[in-house]
């Protein structure tokens, strides 16, 4: 298993919360998500928060790819957003809901 390191800021902050783990396993994408952290009964707040999280994540990915010499950050981010929009419009695989727990 090839797990990522916990960021130093998360280790320092006693109130840090892990929101997602994403794995490629058994030839597919598998996720463990902590949804509902922002909602407090308001789906608009929750969906807006996840939109910001996804946008920030895409920016970090573009940054990392650029640092690896794969292109300019702006062009890479545009390519990620384009791929995201295509996948949302026509998913390449079916999502299934796994087990949930109170530890959400």
PDB file of N, CA and C in Angstrom:
ATOM      1  N   UNK A   1       0.860  -1.181   0.000  1.00  0.00           N
ATOM      2  CA  UNK A   1       0.000   0.000   0.000  1.00  0.00           C
ATOM      3  C   UNK A   1       0.897   1.231   0.000  1.00  0.00           C
ATOM      4  N   UNK A   2       0.513   2.205  -0.788  1.00  0.00           N
ATOM      5  CA  UNK A   2       1.292   3.433  -0.930  1.00  0.00           C
ATOM      6  C   UNK A   2       0.461   4.612  -0.414  1.00  0.00           C
ATOM      7  N   UNK A   3       0.471   4.828   0.908  1.00  0.00           N
ATOM      8  CA  UNK A   3      -0.318   5.898   1.527  1.00  0.00           C
ATOM      9  C   UNK A   3       0.470   7.207   1.524  1.00  0.00           C
ATOM     10  N   UNK A   4      -0.222   8.307   1.384  1.00  0.00           N
ATOM     11  CA  UNK A   4       0.388   9.636   1.428  1.00  0.00           C
ATOM     12  C   UNK A   4       0.635  10.030   2.875  1.00  0.00           C
ATOM     13  N   UNK A   5       1.605  10.903   3.053  1.00  0.00           N
ATOM     14  CA  UNK A   5       1.923  11.416   4.386  1.00  0.00           C
ATOM     15  C   UNK A   5       0.867  12.428   4.827  1.00  0.00           C
ATOM     16  N   UNK A   6       0.641  12.505   6.111  1.00  0.00           N
ATOM     17  CA  UNK A   6      -0.250  13.530   6.665  1.00  0.00           C
ATOM     18  C   UNK A   6       0.518  14.850   6.642  1.00  0.00           C
ATOM     19  N   UNK A   7      -0.089  15.929   6.130  1.00  0.00           N
ATOM     20  CA  UNK A   7       0.602  17.224   6.076  1.00  0.00           C
ATOM     21  C   UNK A   7       0.975  17.717   7.478  1.00  0.00           C
ATOM     22  N   UNK A   8       2.133  18.353   7.609  1.00  0.00           N
ATOM     23  CA  UNK A   8       2.580  18.849   8.924  1.00  0.00           C
ATOM     24  C   UNK A   8       1.548  19.727   9.631  1.00  0.00           C
ATOM     25  N   UNK A   9       0.859  20.583   8.894  1.00  0.00           N
ATOM     26  CA  UNK A   9      -0.147  21.459   9.524  1.00  0.00           C
ATOM     27  C   UNK A   9      -1.255  20.639  10.168  1.00  0.00           C
ATOM     28  N   UNK A  10      -1.654  19.534   9.522  1.00  0.00           N
ATOM     29  CA  UNK A  10      -2.703  18.681  10.089  1.00  0.00           C
ATOM     30  C   UNK A  10      -2.209  17.995  11.357  1.00  0.00           C
ATOM     31  N   UNK A  11      -0.936  17.657  11.386  1.00  0.00           N
ATOM     32  CA  UNK A  11      -0.370  17.043  12.589  1.00  0.00           C
ATOM     33  C   UNK A  11      -0.291  18.036  13.746  1.00  0.00           C
ATOM     34  N   UNK A  12      -0.052  19.313  13.437  1.00  0.00           N
ATOM     35  CA  UNK A  12       0.072  20.338  14.480  1.00  0.00           C
ATOM     36  C   UNK A  12      -1.278  20.792  15.026  1.00  0.00           C
ATOM     37  N   UNK A  13      -2.327  20.705  14.221  1.00  0.00           N
ATOM     38  CA  UNK A  13      -3.637  21.259  14.571  1.00  0.00           C
ATOM     39  C   UNK A  13      -4.525  20.187  15.196  1.00  0.00           C
ATOM     40  N   UNK A  14      -4.788  20.313  16.481  1.00  0.00           N
ATOM     41  CA  UNK A  14      -5.603  19.325  17.196  1.00  0.00           C
ATOM     42  C   UNK A  14      -7.032  19.255  16.667  1.00  0.00           C
ATOM     43  N   UNK A  15      -7.498  20.292  15.981  1.00  0.00           N
ATOM     44  CA  UNK A  15      -8.861  20.280  15.453  1.00  0.00           C
ATOM     45  C   UNK A  15      -8.903  19.942  13.954  1.00  0.00           C
ATOM     46  N   UNK A  16      -7.793  19.470  13.402  1.00  0.00           N
ATOM     47  CA  UNK A  16      -7.753  19.086  11.986  1.00  0.00           C
ATOM     48  C   UNK A  16      -8.732  17.941  11.719  1.00  0.00           C
ATOM     49  N   UNK A  17      -9.327  17.942  10.531  1.00  0.00           N
ATOM     50  CA  UNK A  17     -10.299  16.926  10.138  1.00  0.00           C
ATOM     51  C   UNK A  17      -9.911  16.402   8.753  1.00  0.00           C
ATOM     52  N   UNK A  18      -9.832  15.092   8.625  1.00  0.00           N
ATOM     53  CA  UNK A  18      -9.592  14.482   7.317  1.00  0.00           C
ATOM     54  C   UNK A  18     -10.927  14.394   6.597  1.00  0.00           C
ATOM     55  N   UNK A  19     -10.997  14.956   5.387  1.00  0.00           N
ATOM     56  CA  UNK A  19     -12.243  14.993   4.632  1.00  0.00           C
ATOM     57  C   UNK A  19     -12.359  13.892   3.595  1.00  0.00           C
ATOM     58  N   UNK A  20     -11.225  13.416   3.067  1.00  0.00           N
ATOM     59  CA  UNK A  20     -11.312  12.428   1.994  1.00  0.00           C
ATOM     60  C   UNK A  20     -10.061  11.578   1.914  1.00  0.00           C
ATOM     61  N   UNK A  21     -10.264  10.339   1.541  1.00  0.00           N
ATOM     62  CA  UNK A  21      -9.194   9.434   1.116  1.00  0.00           C
ATOM     63  C   UNK A  21      -9.639   8.900  -0.234  1.00  0.00           C
ATOM     64  N   UNK A  22      -8.711   8.849  -1.170  1.00  0.00           N
ATOM     65  CA  UNK A  22      -9.036   8.415  -2.522  1.00  0.00           C
ATOM     66  C   UNK A  22      -8.002   7.379  -2.937  1.00  0.00           C
ATOM     67  N   UNK A  23      -8.474   6.243  -3.412  1.00  0.00           N
ATOM     68  CA  UNK A  23      -7.601   5.137  -3.765  1.00  0.00           C
ATOM     69  C   UNK A  23      -7.947   4.608  -5.149  1.00  0.00           C
ATOM     70  N   UNK A  24      -6.927   4.139  -5.855  1.00  0.00           N
ATOM     71  CA  UNK A  24      -7.126   3.286  -7.020  1.00  0.00           C
ATOM     72  C   UNK A  24      -6.862   1.872  -6.505  1.00  0.00           C
ATOM     73  N   UNK A  25      -7.873   1.020  -6.539  1.00  0.00           N
ATOM     74  CA  UNK A  25      -7.754  -0.355  -6.052  1.00  0.00           C
ATOM     75  C   UNK A  25      -8.701  -1.239  -6.861  1.00  0.00           C
ATOM     76  N   UNK A  26      -8.298  -2.464  -7.097  1.00  0.00           N
ATOM     77  CA  UNK A  26      -9.116  -3.408  -7.848  1.00  0.00           C
ATOM     78  C   UNK A  26      -9.626  -2.789  -9.140  1.00  0.00           C
ATOM     79  N   UNK A  27      -8.741  -2.052  -9.790  1.00  0.00           N
ATOM     80  CA  UNK A  27      -8.977  -1.431 -11.092  1.00  0.00           C
ATOM     81  C   UNK A  27     -10.093  -0.381 -11.078  1.00  0.00           C
ATOM     82  N   UNK A  28     -10.283   0.278  -9.941  1.00  0.00           N
ATOM     83  CA  UNK A  28     -11.295   1.317  -9.864  1.00  0.00           C
ATOM     84  C   UNK A  28     -10.963   2.339  -8.794  1.00  0.00           C
ATOM     85  N   UNK A  29     -11.717   3.425  -8.785  1.00  0.00           N
ATOM     86  CA  UNK A  29     -11.557   4.493  -7.806  1.00  0.00           C
ATOM     87  C   UNK A  29     -12.418   4.190  -6.587  1.00  0.00           C
ATOM     88  N   UNK A  30     -11.825   4.314  -5.412  1.00  0.00           N
ATOM     89  CA  UNK A  30     -12.537   4.073  -4.163  1.00  0.00           C
ATOM     90  C   UNK A  30     -12.282   5.259  -3.238  1.00  0.00           C
ATOM     91  N   UNK A  31     -13.356   5.755  -2.614  1.00  0.00           N
ATOM     92  CA  UNK A  31     -13.261   6.952  -1.779  1.00  0.00           C
ATOM     93  C   UNK A  31     -13.887   6.719  -0.409  1.00  0.00           C
ATOM     94  N   UNK A  32     -13.330   7.389   0.561  1.00  0.00           N
ATOM     95  CA  UNK A  32     -13.928   7.481   1.889  1.00  0.00           C
ATOM     96  C   UNK A  32     -14.057   8.970   2.169  1.00  0.00           C
ATOM     97  N   UNK A  33     -15.288   9.433   2.360  1.00  0.00           N
ATOM     98  CA  UNK A  33     -15.560  10.865   2.479  1.00  0.00           C
ATOM     99  C   UNK A  33     -16.219  11.206   3.805  1.00  0.00           C
ATOM    100  N   UNK A  34     -15.904  12.387   4.298  1.00  0.00           N
ATOM    101  CA  UNK A  34     -16.581  12.927   5.472  1.00  0.00           C
ATOM    102  C   UNK A  34     -17.479  14.054   4.980  1.00  0.00           C
ATOM    103  N   UNK A  35     -18.694  13.698   4.645  1.00  0.00           N
ATOM    104  CA  UNK A  35     -19.657  14.695   4.176  1.00  0.00           C
ATOM    105  C   UNK A  35     -20.507  15.171   5.352  1.00  0.00           C
ATOM    106  N   UNK A  36     -21.035  16.368   5.226  1.00  0.00           N
ATOM    107  CA  UNK A  36     -21.899  16.903   6.265  1.00  0.00           C
ATOM    108  C   UNK A  36     -21.203  17.813   7.253  1.00  0.00           C
ATOM    109  N   UNK A  37     -19.903  17.999   7.077  1.00  0.00           N
ATOM    110  CA  UNK A  37     -19.149  18.835   8.015  1.00  0.00           C
ATOM    111  C   UNK A  37     -19.595  20.296   7.952  1.00  0.00           C
ATOM    112  N   UNK A  38     -19.972  20.757   6.759  1.00  0.00           N
ATOM    113  CA  UNK A  38     -20.322  22.165   6.567  1.00  0.00           C
ATOM    114  C   UNK A  38     -21.822  22.421   6.528  1.00  0.00           C
ATOM    115  N   UNK A  39     -22.597  21.396   6.347  1.00  0.00           N
ATOM    116  CA  UNK A  39     -24.015  21.568   6.053  1.00  0.00           C
ATOM    117  C   UNK A  39     -24.816  22.204   7.175  1.00  0.00           C
ATOM    118  N   UNK A  40     -24.710  21.647   8.366  1.00  0.00           N
ATOM    119  CA  UNK A  40     -25.549  22.108   9.476  1.00  0.00           C
ATOM    120  C   UNK A  40     -26.980  22.323   8.997  1.00  0.00           C
ATOM    121  N   UNK A  41     -27.480  21.356   8.207  1.00  0.00           N
ATOM    122  CA  UNK A  41     -28.848  21.443   7.703  1.00  0.00           C
ATOM    123  C   UNK A  41     -28.986  22.265   6.434  1.00  0.00           C
ATOM    124  N   UNK A  42     -27.907  22.793   5.893  1.00  0.00           N
ATOM    125  CA  UNK A  42     -27.967  23.666   4.722  1.00  0.00           C
ATOM    126  C   UNK A  42     -27.167  23.039   3.577  1.00  0.00           C
ATOM    127  N   UNK A  43     -27.878  22.428   2.636  1.00  0.00           N
ATOM    128  CA  UNK A  43     -27.207  21.741   1.534  1.00  0.00           C
ATOM    129  C   UNK A  43     -26.423  22.719   0.655  1.00  0.00           C
ATOM    130  N   UNK A  44     -26.860  23.952   0.531  1.00  0.00           N
ATOM    131  CA  UNK A  44     -26.136  24.927  -0.291  1.00  0.00           C
ATOM    132  C   UNK A  44     -24.757  25.217   0.294  1.00  0.00           C
ATOM    133  N   UNK A  45     -24.647  25.320   1.600  1.00  0.00           N
ATOM    134  CA  UNK A  45     -23.357  25.558   2.240  1.00  0.00           C
ATOM    135  C   UNK A  45     -22.442  24.355   2.031  1.00  0.00           C
ATOM    136  N   UNK A  46     -22.975  23.151   2.189  1.00  0.00           N
ATOM    137  CA  UNK A  46     -22.184  21.932   2.018  1.00  0.00           C
ATOM    138  C   UNK A  46     -21.689  21.798   0.573  1.00  0.00           C
ATOM    139  N   UNK A  47     -22.573  21.995  -0.397  1.00  0.00           N
ATOM    140  CA  UNK A  47     -22.159  21.839  -1.799  1.00  0.00           C
ATOM    141  C   UNK A  47     -21.175  22.932  -2.206  1.00  0.00           C
ATOM    142  N   UNK A  48     -21.360  24.135  -1.702  1.00  0.00           N
ATOM    143  CA  UNK A  48     -20.404  25.212  -1.996  1.00  0.00           C
ATOM    144  C   UNK A  48     -19.037  24.890  -1.406  1.00  0.00           C
ATOM    145  N   UNK A  49     -19.018  24.354  -0.191  1.00  0.00           N
ATOM    146  CA  UNK A  49     -17.748  23.996   0.446  1.00  0.00           C
ATOM    147  C   UNK A  49     -17.027  22.926  -0.362  1.00  0.00           C
ATOM    148  N   UNK A  50     -17.747  21.893  -0.806  1.00  0.00           N
ATOM    149  CA  UNK A  50     -17.112  20.838  -1.595  1.00  0.00           C
ATOM    150  C   UNK A  50     -16.661  21.363  -2.952  1.00  0.00           C
ATOM    151  N   UNK A  51     -17.376  22.302  -3.532  1.00  0.00           N
ATOM    152  CA  UNK A  51     -16.914  22.919  -4.779  1.00  0.00           C
ATOM    153  C   UNK A  51     -15.589  23.633  -4.584  1.00  0.00           C
ATOM    154  N   UNK A  52     -15.455  24.342  -3.468  1.00  0.00           N
ATOM    155  CA  UNK A  52     -14.199  25.033  -3.147  1.00  0.00           C
ATOM    156  C   UNK A  52     -13.087  24.019  -2.899  1.00  0.00           C
ATOM    157  N   UNK A  53     -13.399  22.954  -2.173  1.00  0.00           N
ATOM    158  CA  UNK A  53     -12.403  21.919  -1.898  1.00  0.00           C
ATOM    159  C   UNK A  53     -11.915  21.297  -3.203  1.00  0.00           C
ATOM    160  N   UNK A  54     -12.832  20.949  -4.097  1.00  0.00           N
ATOM    161  CA  UNK A  54     -12.442  20.358  -5.384  1.00  0.00           C
ATOM    162  C   UNK A  54     -11.612  21.331  -6.215  1.00  0.00           C
ATOM    163  N   UNK A  55     -11.985  22.610  -6.223  1.00  0.00           N
ATOM    164  CA  UNK A  55     -11.221  23.618  -6.971  1.00  0.00           C
ATOM    165  C   UNK A  55      -9.818  23.781  -6.377  1.00  0.00           C
ATOM    166  N   UNK A  56      -9.727  23.831  -5.057  1.00  0.00           N
ATOM    167  CA  UNK A  56      -8.408  23.940  -4.411  1.00  0.00           C
ATOM    168  C   UNK A  56      -7.555  22.710  -4.705  1.00  0.00           C
ATOM    169  N   UNK A  57      -8.166  21.538  -4.655  1.00  0.00           N
ATOM    170  CA  UNK A  57      -7.453  20.301  -4.954  1.00  0.00           C
ATOM    171  C   UNK A  57      -6.938  20.308  -6.392  1.00  0.00           C
ATOM    172  N   UNK A  58      -7.762  20.736  -7.334  1.00  0.00           N
ATOM    173  CA  UNK A  58      -7.335  20.822  -8.736  1.00  0.00           C
ATOM    174  C   UNK A  58      -6.153  21.780  -8.877  1.00  0.00           C
ATOM    175  N   UNK A  59      -6.182  22.883  -8.157  1.00  0.00           N
ATOM    176  CA  UNK A  59      -5.068  23.831  -8.188  1.00  0.00           C
ATOM    177  C   UNK A  59      -3.790  23.218  -7.637  1.00  0.00           C
ATOM    178  N   UNK A  60      -3.899  22.462  -6.559  1.00  0.00           N
ATOM    179  CA  UNK A  60      -2.726  21.793  -5.985  1.00  0.00           C
ATOM    180  C   UNK A  60      -2.156  20.759  -6.956  1.00  0.00           C
ATOM    181  N   UNK A  61      -3.045  20.032  -7.647  1.00  0.00           N
ATOM    182  CA  UNK A  61      -2.594  19.037  -8.621  1.00  0.00           C
ATOM    183  C   UNK A  61      -1.881  19.725  -9.781  1.00  0.00           C
ATOM    184  N   UNK A  62      -2.461  20.807 -10.300  1.00  0.00           N
ATOM    185  CA  UNK A  62      -1.828  21.550 -11.393  1.00  0.00           C
ATOM    186  C   UNK A  62      -0.466  22.077 -10.962  1.00  0.00           C
ATOM    187  N   UNK A  63      -0.389  22.568  -9.746  1.00  0.00           N
ATOM    188  CA  UNK A  63       0.869  23.060  -9.176  1.00  0.00           C
ATOM    189  C   UNK A  63       1.930  21.961  -9.137  1.00  0.00           C
ATOM    190  N   UNK A  64       1.531  20.774  -8.651  1.00  0.00           N
ATOM    191  CA  UNK A  64       2.463  19.653  -8.541  1.00  0.00           C
ATOM    192  C   UNK A  64       2.920  19.180  -9.922  1.00  0.00           C
ATOM    193  N   UNK A  65       1.993  19.097 -10.870  1.00  0.00           N
ATOM    194  CA  UNK A  65       2.355  18.682 -12.226  1.00  0.00           C
ATOM    195  C   UNK A  65       3.295  19.693 -12.871  1.00  0.00           C
ATOM    196  N   UNK A  66       3.026  20.970 -12.626  1.00  0.00           N
ATOM    197  CA  UNK A  66       3.892  22.017 -13.159  1.00  0.00           C
ATOM    198  C   UNK A  66       5.292  21.927 -12.554  1.00  0.00           C
ATOM    199  N   UNK A  67       5.358  21.680 -11.260  1.00  0.00           N
ATOM    200  CA  UNK A  67       6.651  21.532 -10.582  1.00  0.00           C
ATOM    201  C   UNK A  67       7.428  20.340 -11.124  1.00  0.00           C
ATOM    202  N   UNK A  68       6.699  19.333 -11.633  1.00  0.00           N
ATOM    203  CA  UNK A  68       7.338  18.162 -12.240  1.00  0.00           C
ATOM    204  C   UNK A  68       7.725  18.411 -13.698  1.00  0.00           C
ATOM    205  N   UNK A  69       7.503  19.653 -14.171  1.00  0.00           N
ATOM    206  CA  UNK A  69       7.903  20.013 -15.528  1.00  0.00           C
ATOM    207  C   UNK A  69       6.940  19.591 -16.613  1.00  0.00           C
ATOM    208  N   UNK A  70       5.682  19.354 -16.260  1.00  0.00           N
ATOM    209  CA  UNK A  70       4.714  18.876 -17.238  1.00  0.00           C
ATOM    210  C   UNK A  70       3.930  19.985 -17.926  1.00  0.00           C
ATOM    211  N   UNK A  71       4.243  21.232 -17.629  1.00  0.00           N
ATOM    212  CA  UNK A  71       3.569  22.349 -18.288  1.00  0.00           C
ATOM    213  C   UNK A  71       3.340  23.490 -17.331  1.00  0.00           C
ATOM    214  N   UNK A  72       2.733  24.543 -17.862  1.00  0.00           N
ATOM    215  CA  UNK A  72       2.405  25.703 -17.045  1.00  0.00           C
ATOM    216  C   UNK A  72       1.193  25.419 -16.171  1.00  0.00           C
ATOM    217  N   UNK A  73       1.206  26.003 -14.976  1.00  0.00           N
ATOM    218  CA  UNK A  73       0.123  25.750 -14.022  1.00  0.00           C
ATOM    219  C   UNK A  73      -1.247  26.095 -14.600  1.00  0.00           C
ATOM    220  N   UNK A  74      -1.364  27.225 -15.284  1.00  0.00           N
ATOM    221  CA  UNK A  74      -2.655  27.643 -15.836  1.00  0.00           C
ATOM    222  C   UNK A  74      -3.187  26.675 -16.879  1.00  0.00           C
ATOM    223  N   UNK A  75      -2.323  26.256 -17.795  1.00  0.00           N
ATOM    224  CA  UNK A  75      -2.739  25.312 -18.841  1.00  0.00           C
ATOM    225  C   UNK A  75      -3.102  23.960 -18.236  1.00  0.00           C
ATOM    226  N   UNK A  76      -2.345  23.532 -17.248  1.00  0.00           N
ATOM    227  CA  UNK A  76      -2.634  22.256 -16.594  1.00  0.00           C
ATOM    228  C   UNK A  76      -3.962  22.318 -15.845  1.00  0.00           C
ATOM    229  N   UNK A  77      -4.215  23.431 -15.153  1.00  0.00           N
ATOM    230  CA  UNK A  77      -5.486  23.589 -14.449  1.00  0.00           C
ATOM    231  C   UNK A  77      -6.646  23.589 -15.442  1.00  0.00           C
ATOM    232  N   UNK A  78      -6.485  24.276 -16.553  1.00  0.00           N
ATOM    233  CA  UNK A  78      -7.530  24.286 -17.593  1.00  0.00           C
ATOM    234  C   UNK A  78      -7.814  22.870 -18.081  1.00  0.00           C
ATOM    235  N   UNK A  79      -6.761  22.066 -18.286  1.00  0.00           N
ATOM    236  CA  UNK A  79      -6.933  20.694 -18.760  1.00  0.00           C
ATOM    237  C   UNK A  79      -7.652  19.843 -17.714  1.00  0.00           C
ATOM    238  N   UNK A  80      -7.329  20.052 -16.446  1.00  0.00           N
ATOM    239  CA  UNK A  80      -8.002  19.314 -15.372  1.00  0.00           C
ATOM    240  C   UNK A  80      -9.482  19.687 -15.326  1.00  0.00           C
ATOM    241  N   UNK A  81      -9.787  20.973 -15.404  1.00  0.00           N
ATOM    242  CA  UNK A  81     -11.182  21.439 -15.371  1.00  0.00           C
ATOM    243  C   UNK A  81     -11.950  20.893 -16.572  1.00  0.00           C
ATOM    244  N   UNK A  82     -11.316  20.895 -17.741  1.00  0.00           N
ATOM    245  CA  UNK A  82     -11.968  20.360 -18.946  1.00  0.00           C
ATOM    246  C   UNK A  82     -12.280  18.874 -18.762  1.00  0.00           C
ATOM    247  N   UNK A  83     -11.313  18.115 -18.262  1.00  0.00           N
ATOM    248  CA  UNK A  83     -11.519  16.686 -18.030  1.00  0.00           C
ATOM    249  C   UNK A  83     -12.611  16.455 -16.986  1.00  0.00           C
ATOM    250  N   UNK A  84     -12.615  17.272 -15.929  1.00  0.00           N
ATOM    251  CA  UNK A  84     -13.638  17.187 -14.886  1.00  0.00           C
ATOM    252  C   UNK A  84     -15.025  17.385 -15.496  1.00  0.00           C
ATOM    253  N   UNK A  85     -15.177  18.433 -16.290  1.00  0.00           N
ATOM    254  CA  UNK A  85     -16.479  18.731 -16.880  1.00  0.00           C
ATOM    255  C   UNK A  85     -16.952  17.623 -17.821  1.00  0.00           C
ATOM    256  N   UNK A  86     -16.032  17.043 -18.579  1.00  0.00           N
ATOM    257  CA  UNK A  86     -16.381  15.925 -19.464  1.00  0.00           C
ATOM    258  C   UNK A  86     -16.842  14.735 -18.626  1.00  0.00           C
ATOM    259  N   UNK A  87     -16.101  14.422 -17.569  1.00  0.00           N
ATOM    260  CA  UNK A  87     -16.442  13.270 -16.727  1.00  0.00           C
ATOM    261  C   UNK A  87     -17.777  13.465 -16.020  1.00  0.00           C
ATOM    262  N   UNK A  88     -18.056  14.678 -15.563  1.00  0.00           N
ATOM    263  CA  UNK A  88     -19.339  14.953 -14.911  1.00  0.00           C
ATOM    264  C   UNK A  88     -20.482  14.770 -15.905  1.00  0.00           C
ATOM    265  N   UNK A  89     -20.273  15.216 -17.142  1.00  0.00           N
ATOM    266  CA  UNK A  89     -21.318  15.117 -18.169  1.00  0.00           C
ATOM    267  C   UNK A  89     -21.538  13.686 -18.653  1.00  0.00           C
ATOM    268  N   UNK A  90     -20.469  12.909 -18.726  1.00  0.00           N
ATOM    269  CA  UNK A  90     -20.554  11.540 -19.242  1.00  0.00           C
ATOM    270  C   UNK A  90     -19.580  10.651 -18.466  1.00  0.00           C
ATOM    271  N   UNK A  91     -19.985  10.180 -17.280  1.00  0.00           N
ATOM    272  CA  UNK A  91     -19.083   9.385 -16.449  1.00  0.00           C
ATOM    273  C   UNK A  91     -18.564   8.140 -17.170  1.00  0.00           C
ATOM    274  N   UNK A  92     -17.282   7.846 -16.955  1.00  0.00           N
ATOM    275  CA  UNK A  92     -16.674   6.671 -17.572  1.00  0.00           C
ATOM    276  C   UNK A  92     -16.908   5.410 -16.745  1.00  0.00           C
ATOM    277  N   UNK A  93     -17.407   5.565 -15.537  1.00  0.00           N
ATOM    278  CA  UNK A  93     -17.732   4.405 -14.707  1.00  0.00           C
ATOM    279  C   UNK A  93     -18.898   4.758 -13.792  1.00  0.00           C
ATOM    280  N   UNK A  94     -19.542   3.714 -13.308  1.00  0.00           N
ATOM    281  CA  UNK A  94     -20.685   3.893 -12.418  1.00  0.00           C
ATOM    282  C   UNK A  94     -20.205   4.020 -10.975  1.00  0.00           C
ATOM    283  N   UNK A  95     -20.793   4.952 -10.240  1.00  0.00           N
ATOM    284  CA  UNK A  95     -20.475   5.097  -8.811  1.00  0.00           C
ATOM    285  C   UNK A  95     -21.425   4.202  -8.023  1.00  0.00           C
ATOM    286  N   UNK A  96     -20.874   3.578  -7.004  1.00  0.00           N
ATOM    287  CA  UNK A  96     -21.702   2.789  -6.084  1.00  0.00           C
ATOM    288  C   UNK A  96     -21.428   3.288  -4.670  1.00  0.00           C
ATOM    289  N   UNK A  97     -22.434   3.252  -3.869  1.00  0.00           N
ATOM    290  CA  UNK A  97     -22.293   3.700  -2.486  1.00  0.00           C
ATOM    291  C   UNK A  97     -21.834   2.532  -1.641  1.00  0.00           C
ATOM    292  N   UNK A  98     -20.773   2.757  -0.893  1.00  0.00           N
ATOM    293  CA  UNK A  98     -20.271   1.740   0.006  1.00  0.00           C
ATOM    294  C   UNK A  98     -20.896   1.882   1.370  1.00  0.00           C
ATOM    295  N   UNK A  99     -20.417   1.108   2.310  1.00  0.00           N
ATOM    296  CA  UNK A  99     -20.956   1.190   3.685  1.00  0.00           C
ATOM    297  C   UNK A  99     -20.634   2.539   4.312  1.00  0.00           C
ATOM    298  N   UNK A 100     -21.519   2.995   5.157  1.00  0.00           N
ATOM    299  CA  UNK A 100     -21.298   4.230   5.915  1.00  0.00           C
ATOM    300  C   UNK A 100     -21.194   3.874   7.388  1.00  0.00           C
ATOM    301  N   UNK A 101     -20.711   4.823   8.158  1.00  0.00           N
ATOM    302  CA  UNK A 101     -20.594   4.584   9.597  1.00  0.00           C
ATOM    303  C   UNK A 101     -20.876   5.866  10.342  1.00  0.00           C
ATOM    304  N   UNK A 102     -21.046   5.746  11.651  1.00  0.00           N
ATOM    305  CA  UNK A 102     -21.261   6.925  12.485  1.00  0.00           C
ATOM    306  C   UNK A 102     -20.014   7.782  12.558  1.00  0.00           C
ATOM    307  N   UNK A 103     -18.861   7.218  12.221  1.00  0.00           N
ATOM    308  CA  UNK A 103     -17.599   7.949  12.278  1.00  0.00           C
ATOM    309  C   UNK A 103     -17.467   8.894  11.097  1.00  0.00           C
ATOM    310  N   UNK A 104     -18.404   8.858  10.178  1.00  0.00           N
ATOM    311  CA  UNK A 104     -18.452   9.703   8.984  1.00  0.00           C
ATOM    312  C   UNK A 104     -17.461  10.775   9.042  1.00  0.00           C
TER     313      UNK A 104
END
